[in-house]
């Protein structure tokens, strides 16, 4: 894309950084209307792909092990604060861009893909075992991960879950989320 490169020439010794402003350029640049008409999800796809790049290049950190949680006395769980994996990126996009990834296109069969319908879509993107991974998540999980990243303690995360559903169901849902996060390697530490 010559126009983008003219507007955002590389200022780094590596081409890795060239795409850092592409999503904003597609969404808000002088040709944004043209891009939206031709491919409404282009900026979202660029954001998703940039998150993959950032996750791949993020700092390493060992994943939190279940044993570390088991060592915390139950009376202190409400005050637990989690450190998230440095590679974790959280996205809220207007289109389900994962439907345009090569694997999804191959499953859909040959031919050009049709238009991608807009719908709010949330993702977590992270690296584990030298592989970049992604998962579509709901807005609630994204908000809880953001809150955990901001240092909100586990007890307050449970309270937020209680606000979104039956209060007596909040603790089991919080434990299930915590289990998923540990299994995925999204947590890198805790402050008990």
N, C-alpha and C. Protein backbone atom coordinates (compact mmCIF):
# COMPACT_ATOMS: atom_id res chain seq x y z
N UNK A 1 0.83 -1.17 0.00
CA UNK A 1 0.00 0.00 0.00
C UNK A 1 0.89 1.24 0.00
N UNK A 2 1.16 1.72 -1.19
CA UNK A 2 2.07 2.86 -1.33
C UNK A 2 1.59 4.09 -0.57
N UNK A 3 0.29 4.37 -0.62
CA UNK A 3 -0.23 5.57 0.03
C UNK A 3 0.04 5.53 1.52
N UNK A 4 -0.18 4.38 2.15
CA UNK A 4 0.09 4.25 3.59
C UNK A 4 1.58 4.45 3.87
N UNK A 5 2.43 3.82 3.07
CA UNK A 5 3.87 3.93 3.30
C UNK A 5 4.38 5.35 3.10
N UNK A 6 3.75 6.09 2.19
CA UNK A 6 4.13 7.49 2.02
C UNK A 6 3.73 8.31 3.25
N UNK A 7 2.57 7.98 3.81
CA UNK A 7 2.09 8.71 4.99
C UNK A 7 2.80 8.26 6.26
N UNK A 8 3.23 7.00 6.29
CA UNK A 8 3.86 6.42 7.48
C UNK A 8 5.13 5.67 7.10
N UNK A 9 6.16 6.39 6.67
CA UNK A 9 7.40 5.69 6.29
C UNK A 9 8.05 5.03 7.50
N UNK A 10 8.79 4.01 7.24
CA UNK A 10 9.47 3.31 8.33
C UNK A 10 10.45 4.24 9.02
N UNK A 11 10.44 4.22 10.34
CA UNK A 11 11.39 4.99 11.13
C UNK A 11 12.23 4.07 12.00
N UNK A 12 12.21 2.81 11.62
CA UNK A 12 12.90 1.79 12.39
C UNK A 12 13.85 1.03 11.48
N UNK A 13 14.81 0.39 12.07
CA UNK A 13 15.74 -0.42 11.29
C UNK A 13 15.08 -1.71 10.78
N UNK A 14 13.90 -2.03 11.30
CA UNK A 14 13.23 -3.27 10.93
C UNK A 14 11.86 -2.96 10.31
N UNK A 15 11.44 -3.79 9.40
CA UNK A 15 10.12 -3.65 8.79
C UNK A 15 9.01 -4.06 9.75
N UNK A 16 9.34 -4.68 10.85
CA UNK A 16 8.35 -5.16 11.81
C UNK A 16 7.41 -4.04 12.25
N UNK A 17 7.92 -2.83 12.40
CA UNK A 17 7.13 -1.73 12.95
C UNK A 17 6.31 -0.96 11.91
N UNK A 18 6.49 -1.26 10.65
CA UNK A 18 5.81 -0.51 9.59
C UNK A 18 4.29 -0.56 9.73
N UNK A 19 3.74 -1.67 10.15
CA UNK A 19 2.28 -1.82 10.22
C UNK A 19 1.64 -1.26 11.47
N UNK A 20 2.39 -0.66 12.36
CA UNK A 20 1.86 -0.19 13.63
C UNK A 20 0.72 0.82 13.53
N UNK A 21 0.68 1.60 12.49
CA UNK A 21 -0.37 2.62 12.33
C UNK A 21 -1.39 2.26 11.26
N UNK A 22 -1.27 1.08 10.67
CA UNK A 22 -2.13 0.73 9.54
C UNK A 22 -3.62 0.72 9.91
N UNK A 23 -3.98 0.16 11.05
CA UNK A 23 -5.39 0.09 11.43
C UNK A 23 -5.99 1.49 11.56
N UNK A 24 -5.27 2.39 12.21
CA UNK A 24 -5.77 3.76 12.35
C UNK A 24 -5.86 4.45 10.99
N UNK A 25 -4.90 4.20 10.13
CA UNK A 25 -4.92 4.79 8.79
C UNK A 25 -6.13 4.29 8.01
N UNK A 26 -6.41 3.00 8.09
CA UNK A 26 -7.57 2.45 7.38
C UNK A 26 -8.89 2.98 7.93
N UNK A 27 -8.92 3.25 9.22
CA UNK A 27 -10.15 3.71 9.87
C UNK A 27 -10.35 5.22 9.78
N UNK A 28 -9.25 5.99 9.81
CA UNK A 28 -9.38 7.44 9.95
C UNK A 28 -8.57 8.24 8.95
N UNK A 29 -7.77 7.58 8.13
CA UNK A 29 -6.92 8.29 7.18
C UNK A 29 -7.72 8.94 6.06
N UNK A 30 -7.01 9.63 5.15
CA UNK A 30 -7.70 10.35 4.08
C UNK A 30 -8.49 9.44 3.13
N UNK A 31 -8.16 8.19 3.08
CA UNK A 31 -8.87 7.24 2.20
C UNK A 31 -9.77 6.29 2.98
N UNK A 32 -10.07 6.61 4.22
CA UNK A 32 -10.85 5.71 5.07
C UNK A 32 -12.20 5.36 4.47
N UNK A 33 -12.89 6.34 3.89
CA UNK A 33 -14.20 6.05 3.29
C UNK A 33 -14.08 5.06 2.14
N UNK A 34 -13.05 5.21 1.36
CA UNK A 34 -12.83 4.28 0.24
C UNK A 34 -12.58 2.87 0.77
N UNK A 35 -11.75 2.75 1.80
CA UNK A 35 -11.46 1.44 2.37
C UNK A 35 -12.72 0.82 2.97
N UNK A 36 -13.52 1.63 3.67
CA UNK A 36 -14.76 1.11 4.27
C UNK A 36 -15.73 0.60 3.21
N UNK A 37 -15.83 1.30 2.09
CA UNK A 37 -16.73 0.86 1.02
C UNK A 37 -16.26 -0.45 0.40
N UNK A 38 -14.98 -0.59 0.23
CA UNK A 38 -14.45 -1.80 -0.43
C UNK A 38 -14.32 -2.97 0.52
N UNK A 39 -14.01 -2.68 1.78
CA UNK A 39 -13.80 -3.74 2.77
C UNK A 39 -14.04 -3.15 4.16
N UNK A 40 -15.26 -3.24 4.60
CA UNK A 40 -15.67 -2.58 5.86
C UNK A 40 -14.87 -3.07 7.06
N UNK A 41 -14.35 -4.27 6.99
CA UNK A 41 -13.65 -4.83 8.15
C UNK A 41 -12.13 -4.69 8.05
N UNK A 42 -11.62 -3.93 7.08
CA UNK A 42 -10.17 -3.83 6.88
C UNK A 42 -9.44 -3.31 8.12
N UNK A 43 -9.95 -2.26 8.74
CA UNK A 43 -9.27 -1.71 9.92
C UNK A 43 -9.28 -2.71 11.07
N UNK A 44 -10.40 -3.42 11.26
CA UNK A 44 -10.47 -4.43 12.31
C UNK A 44 -9.48 -5.56 12.05
N UNK A 45 -9.39 -5.99 10.80
CA UNK A 45 -8.45 -7.06 10.46
C UNK A 45 -7.01 -6.60 10.72
N UNK A 46 -6.71 -5.35 10.39
CA UNK A 46 -5.37 -4.82 10.66
C UNK A 46 -5.09 -4.77 12.16
N UNK A 47 -6.09 -4.40 12.96
CA UNK A 47 -5.91 -4.38 14.43
C UNK A 47 -5.64 -5.79 14.95
N UNK A 48 -6.41 -6.76 14.45
CA UNK A 48 -6.24 -8.15 14.86
C UNK A 48 -4.84 -8.64 14.50
N UNK A 49 -4.43 -8.40 13.26
CA UNK A 49 -3.11 -8.87 12.83
C UNK A 49 -1.99 -8.17 13.58
N UNK A 50 -2.17 -6.90 13.93
CA UNK A 50 -1.14 -6.20 14.71
C UNK A 50 -1.06 -6.79 16.11
N UNK A 51 -2.19 -7.18 16.68
CA UNK A 51 -2.18 -7.83 17.99
C UNK A 51 -1.40 -9.14 17.93
N UNK A 52 -1.52 -9.87 16.82
CA UNK A 52 -0.74 -11.11 16.65
C UNK A 52 0.75 -10.81 16.66
N UNK A 53 1.15 -9.74 15.96
CA UNK A 53 2.56 -9.34 15.91
C UNK A 53 3.05 -8.97 17.31
N UNK A 54 2.28 -8.14 18.00
CA UNK A 54 2.68 -7.70 19.34
C UNK A 54 2.76 -8.87 20.32
N UNK A 55 1.82 -9.79 20.24
CA UNK A 55 1.84 -10.95 21.13
C UNK A 55 3.08 -11.79 20.87
N UNK A 56 3.42 -11.97 19.61
CA UNK A 56 4.59 -12.76 19.26
C UNK A 56 5.87 -12.14 19.82
N UNK A 57 5.97 -10.82 19.74
CA UNK A 57 7.20 -10.13 20.14
C UNK A 57 7.24 -9.71 21.61
N UNK A 58 6.19 -9.97 22.37
CA UNK A 58 6.13 -9.54 23.77
C UNK A 58 7.18 -10.26 24.62
N UNK A 59 7.44 -9.67 25.76
CA UNK A 59 8.39 -10.27 26.70
C UNK A 59 7.89 -11.63 27.18
N UNK A 60 8.82 -12.48 27.53
CA UNK A 60 8.47 -13.79 28.09
C UNK A 60 8.17 -13.65 29.58
N UNK A 61 7.31 -14.52 30.04
CA UNK A 61 7.03 -14.63 31.48
C UNK A 61 6.48 -16.03 31.72
N UNK A 62 6.96 -16.69 32.76
CA UNK A 62 6.42 -18.02 33.04
C UNK A 62 4.95 -17.93 33.44
N UNK A 63 4.20 -18.91 33.02
CA UNK A 63 2.76 -18.95 33.35
C UNK A 63 2.59 -19.31 34.82
N UNK A 64 1.56 -18.73 35.43
CA UNK A 64 1.21 -19.04 36.80
C UNK A 64 0.77 -20.50 36.88
N UNK A 65 1.30 -21.22 37.85
CA UNK A 65 0.94 -22.63 38.04
C UNK A 65 -0.18 -22.74 39.08
N UNK A 66 -0.97 -23.75 38.95
CA UNK A 66 -2.07 -23.98 39.91
C UNK A 66 -1.55 -24.13 41.34
N UNK A 67 -0.36 -24.71 41.49
CA UNK A 67 0.22 -24.91 42.82
C UNK A 67 0.41 -23.58 43.56
N UNK A 68 0.72 -22.52 42.81
CA UNK A 68 0.91 -21.21 43.44
C UNK A 68 -0.42 -20.73 44.04
N UNK A 69 -1.51 -20.99 43.37
CA UNK A 69 -2.83 -20.62 43.91
C UNK A 69 -3.20 -21.50 45.10
N UNK A 70 -2.88 -22.78 45.00
CA UNK A 70 -3.22 -23.71 46.08
C UNK A 70 -2.51 -23.35 47.38
N UNK A 71 -1.36 -22.68 47.24
CA UNK A 71 -0.59 -22.30 48.43
C UNK A 71 -1.17 -21.07 49.14
N UNK A 72 -2.10 -20.38 48.51
CA UNK A 72 -2.68 -19.17 49.11
C UNK A 72 -3.82 -19.58 50.04
N UNK A 73 -3.78 -19.15 51.30
CA UNK A 73 -4.89 -19.46 52.22
C UNK A 73 -6.20 -18.89 51.68
N UNK A 74 -7.27 -19.64 51.85
CA UNK A 74 -8.57 -19.23 51.31
C UNK A 74 -9.02 -17.86 51.84
N UNK A 75 -8.63 -17.51 53.05
CA UNK A 75 -9.01 -16.22 53.62
C UNK A 75 -8.39 -15.05 52.85
N UNK A 76 -7.36 -15.31 52.07
CA UNK A 76 -6.68 -14.24 51.35
C UNK A 76 -7.08 -14.15 49.88
N UNK A 77 -7.93 -15.06 49.41
CA UNK A 77 -8.29 -15.09 47.99
C UNK A 77 -8.99 -13.82 47.53
N UNK A 78 -9.80 -13.24 48.34
CA UNK A 78 -10.53 -12.03 47.93
C UNK A 78 -9.58 -10.90 47.57
N UNK A 79 -8.39 -10.88 48.19
CA UNK A 79 -7.43 -9.80 47.94
C UNK A 79 -6.38 -10.15 46.88
N UNK A 80 -6.47 -11.33 46.29
CA UNK A 80 -5.50 -11.72 45.26
C UNK A 80 -5.55 -10.77 44.07
N UNK A 81 -4.39 -10.41 43.60
CA UNK A 81 -4.27 -9.62 42.38
C UNK A 81 -3.39 -10.41 41.43
N UNK A 82 -3.77 -10.40 40.16
CA UNK A 82 -3.08 -11.23 39.17
C UNK A 82 -2.25 -10.37 38.23
N UNK A 83 -1.08 -10.88 37.88
CA UNK A 83 -0.29 -10.29 36.80
C UNK A 83 -0.63 -11.08 35.54
N UNK A 84 -0.97 -10.38 34.47
CA UNK A 84 -1.32 -11.05 33.23
C UNK A 84 -0.07 -11.26 32.38
N UNK A 85 -0.12 -12.24 31.52
CA UNK A 85 0.99 -12.52 30.62
C UNK A 85 1.30 -11.26 29.81
N UNK A 86 2.58 -10.90 29.67
CA UNK A 86 2.93 -9.69 28.90
C UNK A 86 2.46 -9.75 27.45
N UNK A 87 2.26 -10.94 26.93
CA UNK A 87 1.85 -11.07 25.53
C UNK A 87 0.36 -10.87 25.32
N UNK A 88 -0.44 -10.85 26.38
CA UNK A 88 -1.90 -10.78 26.24
C UNK A 88 -2.34 -9.45 25.67
N UNK A 89 -3.11 -9.52 24.60
CA UNK A 89 -3.74 -8.36 23.98
C UNK A 89 -5.24 -8.59 23.99
N UNK A 90 -6.01 -7.57 24.31
CA UNK A 90 -7.47 -7.66 24.35
C UNK A 90 -8.03 -6.71 23.29
N UNK A 91 -8.92 -7.23 22.49
CA UNK A 91 -9.48 -6.47 21.38
C UNK A 91 -10.99 -6.45 21.44
N UNK A 92 -11.57 -5.33 21.09
CA UNK A 92 -13.00 -5.21 20.85
C UNK A 92 -13.14 -4.62 19.45
N UNK A 93 -13.68 -5.41 18.55
CA UNK A 93 -13.78 -5.02 17.15
C UNK A 93 -15.24 -4.99 16.70
N UNK A 94 -15.46 -4.40 15.57
CA UNK A 94 -16.82 -4.29 15.02
C UNK A 94 -17.19 -5.46 14.11
N UNK A 95 -16.21 -6.28 13.77
CA UNK A 95 -16.44 -7.40 12.85
C UNK A 95 -15.76 -8.66 13.38
N UNK A 96 -16.34 -9.84 13.10
CA UNK A 96 -15.71 -11.10 13.49
C UNK A 96 -14.62 -11.49 12.49
N UNK A 97 -13.50 -10.80 12.56
CA UNK A 97 -12.45 -10.94 11.54
C UNK A 97 -11.83 -12.33 11.49
N UNK A 98 -12.01 -13.12 12.54
CA UNK A 98 -11.47 -14.48 12.50
C UNK A 98 -12.10 -15.29 11.36
N UNK A 99 -13.26 -14.85 10.89
CA UNK A 99 -13.91 -15.52 9.77
C UNK A 99 -13.19 -15.27 8.45
N UNK A 100 -12.20 -14.38 8.46
CA UNK A 100 -11.41 -14.10 7.26
C UNK A 100 -9.98 -14.62 7.36
N UNK A 101 -9.69 -15.36 8.38
CA UNK A 101 -8.35 -15.94 8.50
C UNK A 101 -8.22 -17.09 7.52
N UNK A 102 -7.02 -17.40 7.07
CA UNK A 102 -6.85 -18.45 6.05
C UNK A 102 -7.50 -19.78 6.41
N UNK A 103 -7.42 -20.22 7.65
CA UNK A 103 -8.01 -21.51 8.03
C UNK A 103 -9.52 -21.47 7.87
N UNK A 104 -10.15 -20.35 8.22
CA UNK A 104 -11.60 -20.23 8.08
C UNK A 104 -11.98 -20.20 6.61
N UNK A 105 -11.18 -19.50 5.78
CA UNK A 105 -11.46 -19.46 4.35
C UNK A 105 -11.35 -20.84 3.73
N UNK A 106 -10.36 -21.64 4.18
CA UNK A 106 -10.19 -22.99 3.64
C UNK A 106 -11.38 -23.87 4.01
N UNK A 107 -11.89 -23.72 5.23
CA UNK A 107 -13.05 -24.52 5.65
C UNK A 107 -14.30 -24.13 4.87
N UNK A 108 -14.38 -22.87 4.47
CA UNK A 108 -15.57 -22.39 3.76
C UNK A 108 -15.59 -22.85 2.31
N UNK A 109 -14.47 -23.34 1.80
CA UNK A 109 -14.42 -23.80 0.43
C UNK A 109 -13.79 -22.77 -0.47
N UNK A 110 -13.71 -23.10 -1.75
CA UNK A 110 -13.06 -22.23 -2.73
C UNK A 110 -13.94 -21.04 -3.04
N UNK A 111 -13.32 -20.06 -3.66
CA UNK A 111 -14.07 -18.89 -4.08
C UNK A 111 -13.82 -17.71 -3.18
N UNK A 112 -14.19 -16.55 -3.68
CA UNK A 112 -14.01 -15.32 -2.91
C UNK A 112 -15.02 -15.27 -1.77
N UNK A 113 -14.57 -14.85 -0.60
CA UNK A 113 -15.52 -14.77 0.53
C UNK A 113 -16.52 -13.65 0.31
N UNK A 114 -17.70 -13.84 0.83
CA UNK A 114 -18.73 -12.81 0.75
C UNK A 114 -18.46 -11.72 1.77
N UNK A 115 -19.36 -10.75 1.86
CA UNK A 115 -19.17 -9.66 2.82
C UNK A 115 -19.22 -10.18 4.26
N UNK A 116 -18.51 -9.51 5.09
CA UNK A 116 -18.45 -9.87 6.50
C UNK A 116 -19.42 -8.98 7.27
N UNK A 117 -20.42 -9.57 7.88
CA UNK A 117 -21.43 -8.80 8.62
C UNK A 117 -20.83 -8.24 9.90
N UNK A 118 -21.19 -7.01 10.19
CA UNK A 118 -20.70 -6.36 11.41
C UNK A 118 -21.41 -6.95 12.62
N UNK A 119 -20.65 -7.21 13.67
CA UNK A 119 -21.17 -7.56 14.99
C UNK A 119 -20.05 -7.36 15.98
N UNK A 120 -20.34 -6.80 17.14
CA UNK A 120 -19.29 -6.61 18.14
C UNK A 120 -18.63 -7.95 18.47
N UNK A 121 -17.32 -7.97 18.39
CA UNK A 121 -16.56 -9.20 18.61
C UNK A 121 -15.36 -8.87 19.48
N UNK A 122 -15.12 -9.71 20.48
CA UNK A 122 -14.03 -9.49 21.43
C UNK A 122 -13.07 -10.67 21.35
N UNK A 123 -11.79 -10.37 21.49
CA UNK A 123 -10.77 -11.40 21.40
C UNK A 123 -9.74 -11.22 22.52
N UNK A 124 -9.14 -12.34 22.86
CA UNK A 124 -7.89 -12.29 23.60
C UNK A 124 -6.85 -12.94 22.68
N UNK A 125 -5.70 -12.31 22.58
CA UNK A 125 -4.60 -12.78 21.74
C UNK A 125 -3.39 -12.87 22.65
N UNK A 126 -2.68 -13.99 22.62
CA UNK A 126 -1.53 -14.17 23.50
C UNK A 126 -0.58 -15.21 22.91
N UNK A 127 0.60 -15.31 23.50
CA UNK A 127 1.58 -16.30 23.07
C UNK A 127 1.77 -17.31 24.19
N UNK A 128 1.81 -18.55 23.80
CA UNK A 128 2.08 -19.63 24.76
C UNK A 128 2.89 -20.68 24.04
N UNK A 129 3.97 -21.11 24.65
CA UNK A 129 4.84 -22.14 24.06
C UNK A 129 5.27 -21.77 22.65
N UNK A 130 5.69 -20.54 22.45
CA UNK A 130 6.19 -20.04 21.17
C UNK A 130 5.14 -19.99 20.07
N UNK A 131 3.87 -20.15 20.42
CA UNK A 131 2.79 -20.06 19.44
C UNK A 131 1.84 -18.94 19.84
N UNK A 132 1.49 -18.13 18.87
CA UNK A 132 0.50 -17.08 19.12
C UNK A 132 -0.87 -17.71 18.97
N UNK A 133 -1.72 -17.43 19.94
CA UNK A 133 -3.07 -18.00 19.97
C UNK A 133 -4.08 -16.87 20.08
N UNK A 134 -5.30 -17.16 19.74
CA UNK A 134 -6.38 -16.19 19.90
C UNK A 134 -7.65 -16.95 20.23
N UNK A 135 -8.55 -16.24 20.87
CA UNK A 135 -9.84 -16.84 21.21
C UNK A 135 -10.88 -15.73 21.22
N UNK A 136 -12.01 -16.01 20.62
CA UNK A 136 -13.13 -15.08 20.72
C UNK A 136 -13.72 -15.23 22.12
N UNK A 137 -13.96 -14.11 22.78
CA UNK A 137 -14.51 -14.11 24.13
C UNK A 137 -15.70 -13.16 24.19
N UNK A 138 -16.46 -13.24 25.26
CA UNK A 138 -17.58 -12.30 25.39
C UNK A 138 -17.09 -11.00 26.05
N UNK A 139 -17.93 -10.00 25.98
CA UNK A 139 -17.57 -8.68 26.52
C UNK A 139 -17.30 -8.74 28.02
N UNK A 140 -18.01 -9.62 28.72
CA UNK A 140 -17.81 -9.75 30.16
C UNK A 140 -16.43 -10.26 30.51
N UNK A 141 -15.97 -11.28 29.81
CA UNK A 141 -14.62 -11.80 30.07
C UNK A 141 -13.57 -10.75 29.73
N UNK A 142 -13.77 -10.04 28.63
CA UNK A 142 -12.81 -9.00 28.26
C UNK A 142 -12.73 -7.95 29.37
N UNK A 143 -13.88 -7.53 29.89
CA UNK A 143 -13.91 -6.52 30.95
C UNK A 143 -13.21 -7.04 32.21
N UNK A 144 -13.41 -8.31 32.54
CA UNK A 144 -12.75 -8.87 33.73
C UNK A 144 -11.24 -8.96 33.54
N UNK A 145 -10.80 -9.33 32.35
CA UNK A 145 -9.35 -9.36 32.10
C UNK A 145 -8.76 -7.96 32.18
N UNK A 146 -9.46 -6.97 31.64
CA UNK A 146 -8.99 -5.58 31.76
C UNK A 146 -8.92 -5.16 33.22
N UNK A 147 -9.93 -5.53 33.99
CA UNK A 147 -9.94 -5.19 35.41
C UNK A 147 -8.80 -5.87 36.15
N UNK A 148 -8.57 -7.14 35.84
CA UNK A 148 -7.45 -7.86 36.46
C UNK A 148 -6.13 -7.19 36.10
N UNK A 149 -6.00 -6.79 34.85
CA UNK A 149 -4.78 -6.10 34.41
C UNK A 149 -4.58 -4.80 35.19
N UNK A 150 -5.67 -4.14 35.53
CA UNK A 150 -5.62 -2.87 36.26
C UNK A 150 -5.38 -3.08 37.76
N UNK A 151 -5.30 -4.34 38.20
CA UNK A 151 -5.01 -4.61 39.61
C UNK A 151 -6.23 -4.81 40.48
N UNK A 152 -7.40 -4.97 39.89
CA UNK A 152 -8.61 -5.20 40.68
C UNK A 152 -8.49 -6.57 41.36
N UNK A 153 -8.71 -6.67 42.67
CA UNK A 153 -8.55 -7.95 43.36
C UNK A 153 -9.65 -8.96 42.98
N UNK A 154 -9.35 -10.23 43.21
CA UNK A 154 -10.23 -11.33 42.83
C UNK A 154 -11.63 -11.17 43.43
N UNK A 155 -11.73 -10.74 44.68
CA UNK A 155 -13.03 -10.55 45.31
C UNK A 155 -13.89 -9.55 44.56
N UNK A 156 -13.27 -8.47 44.10
CA UNK A 156 -14.01 -7.46 43.34
C UNK A 156 -14.39 -7.99 41.95
N UNK A 157 -13.53 -8.83 41.38
CA UNK A 157 -13.89 -9.47 40.10
C UNK A 157 -15.13 -10.34 40.29
N UNK A 158 -15.18 -11.06 41.40
CA UNK A 158 -16.36 -11.89 41.70
C UNK A 158 -17.61 -11.02 41.86
N UNK A 159 -17.45 -9.88 42.51
CA UNK A 159 -18.59 -8.96 42.68
C UNK A 159 -19.10 -8.47 41.33
N UNK A 160 -18.19 -8.21 40.41
CA UNK A 160 -18.60 -7.77 39.07
C UNK A 160 -19.36 -8.89 38.36
N UNK A 161 -18.92 -10.12 38.56
CA UNK A 161 -19.65 -11.24 37.97
C UNK A 161 -21.04 -11.36 38.57
N UNK A 162 -21.16 -11.10 39.86
CA UNK A 162 -22.46 -11.17 40.53
C UNK A 162 -23.43 -10.13 39.98
N UNK A 163 -22.90 -8.99 39.54
CA UNK A 163 -23.74 -7.95 38.97
C UNK A 163 -24.31 -8.37 37.61
N UNK A 164 -23.61 -9.28 36.92
CA UNK A 164 -24.00 -9.69 35.57
C UNK A 164 -24.83 -10.96 35.54
N UNK A 165 -25.13 -11.53 36.68
CA UNK A 165 -25.90 -12.76 36.70
C UNK A 165 -26.31 -13.09 38.12
N UNK A 166 -26.82 -14.30 38.32
CA UNK A 166 -27.22 -14.70 39.67
C UNK A 166 -26.05 -14.60 40.65
N UNK A 167 -26.28 -13.96 41.78
CA UNK A 167 -25.21 -13.73 42.75
C UNK A 167 -24.62 -15.03 43.27
N UNK A 168 -25.47 -16.05 43.52
CA UNK A 168 -24.96 -17.30 44.06
C UNK A 168 -24.19 -18.10 43.02
N UNK A 169 -24.25 -17.67 41.77
CA UNK A 169 -23.52 -18.34 40.69
C UNK A 169 -22.19 -17.66 40.40
N UNK A 170 -21.93 -16.51 41.01
CA UNK A 170 -20.74 -15.72 40.71
C UNK A 170 -19.45 -16.44 41.08
N UNK A 171 -19.38 -17.04 42.25
CA UNK A 171 -18.14 -17.70 42.67
C UNK A 171 -17.79 -18.87 41.75
N UNK A 172 -18.73 -19.77 41.43
CA UNK A 172 -18.37 -20.86 40.51
C UNK A 172 -17.96 -20.34 39.12
N UNK A 173 -18.63 -19.29 38.64
CA UNK A 173 -18.24 -18.73 37.34
C UNK A 173 -16.85 -18.11 37.42
N UNK A 174 -16.54 -17.45 38.52
CA UNK A 174 -15.21 -16.84 38.69
C UNK A 174 -14.13 -17.91 38.73
N UNK A 175 -14.40 -18.99 39.44
CA UNK A 175 -13.43 -20.09 39.51
C UNK A 175 -13.24 -20.72 38.14
N UNK A 176 -14.34 -20.89 37.39
CA UNK A 176 -14.24 -21.46 36.04
C UNK A 176 -13.41 -20.56 35.13
N UNK A 177 -13.64 -19.25 35.22
CA UNK A 177 -12.84 -18.31 34.42
C UNK A 177 -11.37 -18.38 34.82
N UNK A 178 -11.12 -18.38 36.11
CA UNK A 178 -9.75 -18.46 36.61
C UNK A 178 -9.07 -19.73 36.11
N UNK A 179 -9.79 -20.83 36.14
CA UNK A 179 -9.26 -22.10 35.64
C UNK A 179 -8.91 -21.99 34.16
N UNK A 180 -9.79 -21.39 33.36
CA UNK A 180 -9.52 -21.22 31.93
C UNK A 180 -8.30 -20.35 31.71
N UNK A 181 -8.19 -19.27 32.48
CA UNK A 181 -7.06 -18.37 32.32
C UNK A 181 -5.74 -19.05 32.67
N UNK A 182 -5.76 -19.85 33.72
CA UNK A 182 -4.54 -20.58 34.10
C UNK A 182 -4.19 -21.61 33.04
N UNK A 183 -5.18 -22.37 32.59
CA UNK A 183 -4.94 -23.41 31.57
C UNK A 183 -4.40 -22.81 30.28
N UNK A 184 -4.87 -21.61 29.93
CA UNK A 184 -4.42 -20.96 28.70
C UNK A 184 -3.06 -20.28 28.86
N UNK A 185 -2.63 -20.08 30.10
CA UNK A 185 -1.36 -19.40 30.34
C UNK A 185 -1.49 -17.88 30.29
N UNK A 186 -2.66 -17.35 30.62
CA UNK A 186 -2.89 -15.92 30.58
C UNK A 186 -2.38 -15.21 31.83
N UNK A 187 -2.18 -15.94 32.91
CA UNK A 187 -1.73 -15.36 34.17
C UNK A 187 -0.25 -15.64 34.36
N UNK A 188 0.48 -14.61 34.77
CA UNK A 188 1.93 -14.76 34.92
C UNK A 188 2.37 -14.66 36.38
N UNK A 189 1.48 -14.31 37.27
CA UNK A 189 1.87 -14.19 38.66
C UNK A 189 0.71 -13.70 39.50
N UNK A 190 0.94 -13.66 40.79
CA UNK A 190 -0.09 -13.15 41.69
C UNK A 190 0.55 -12.45 42.86
N UNK A 191 -0.23 -11.55 43.41
CA UNK A 191 0.18 -10.81 44.60
C UNK A 191 -0.80 -11.17 45.69
N UNK A 192 -0.38 -12.02 46.58
CA UNK A 192 -1.26 -12.48 47.67
C UNK A 192 -1.04 -11.58 48.85
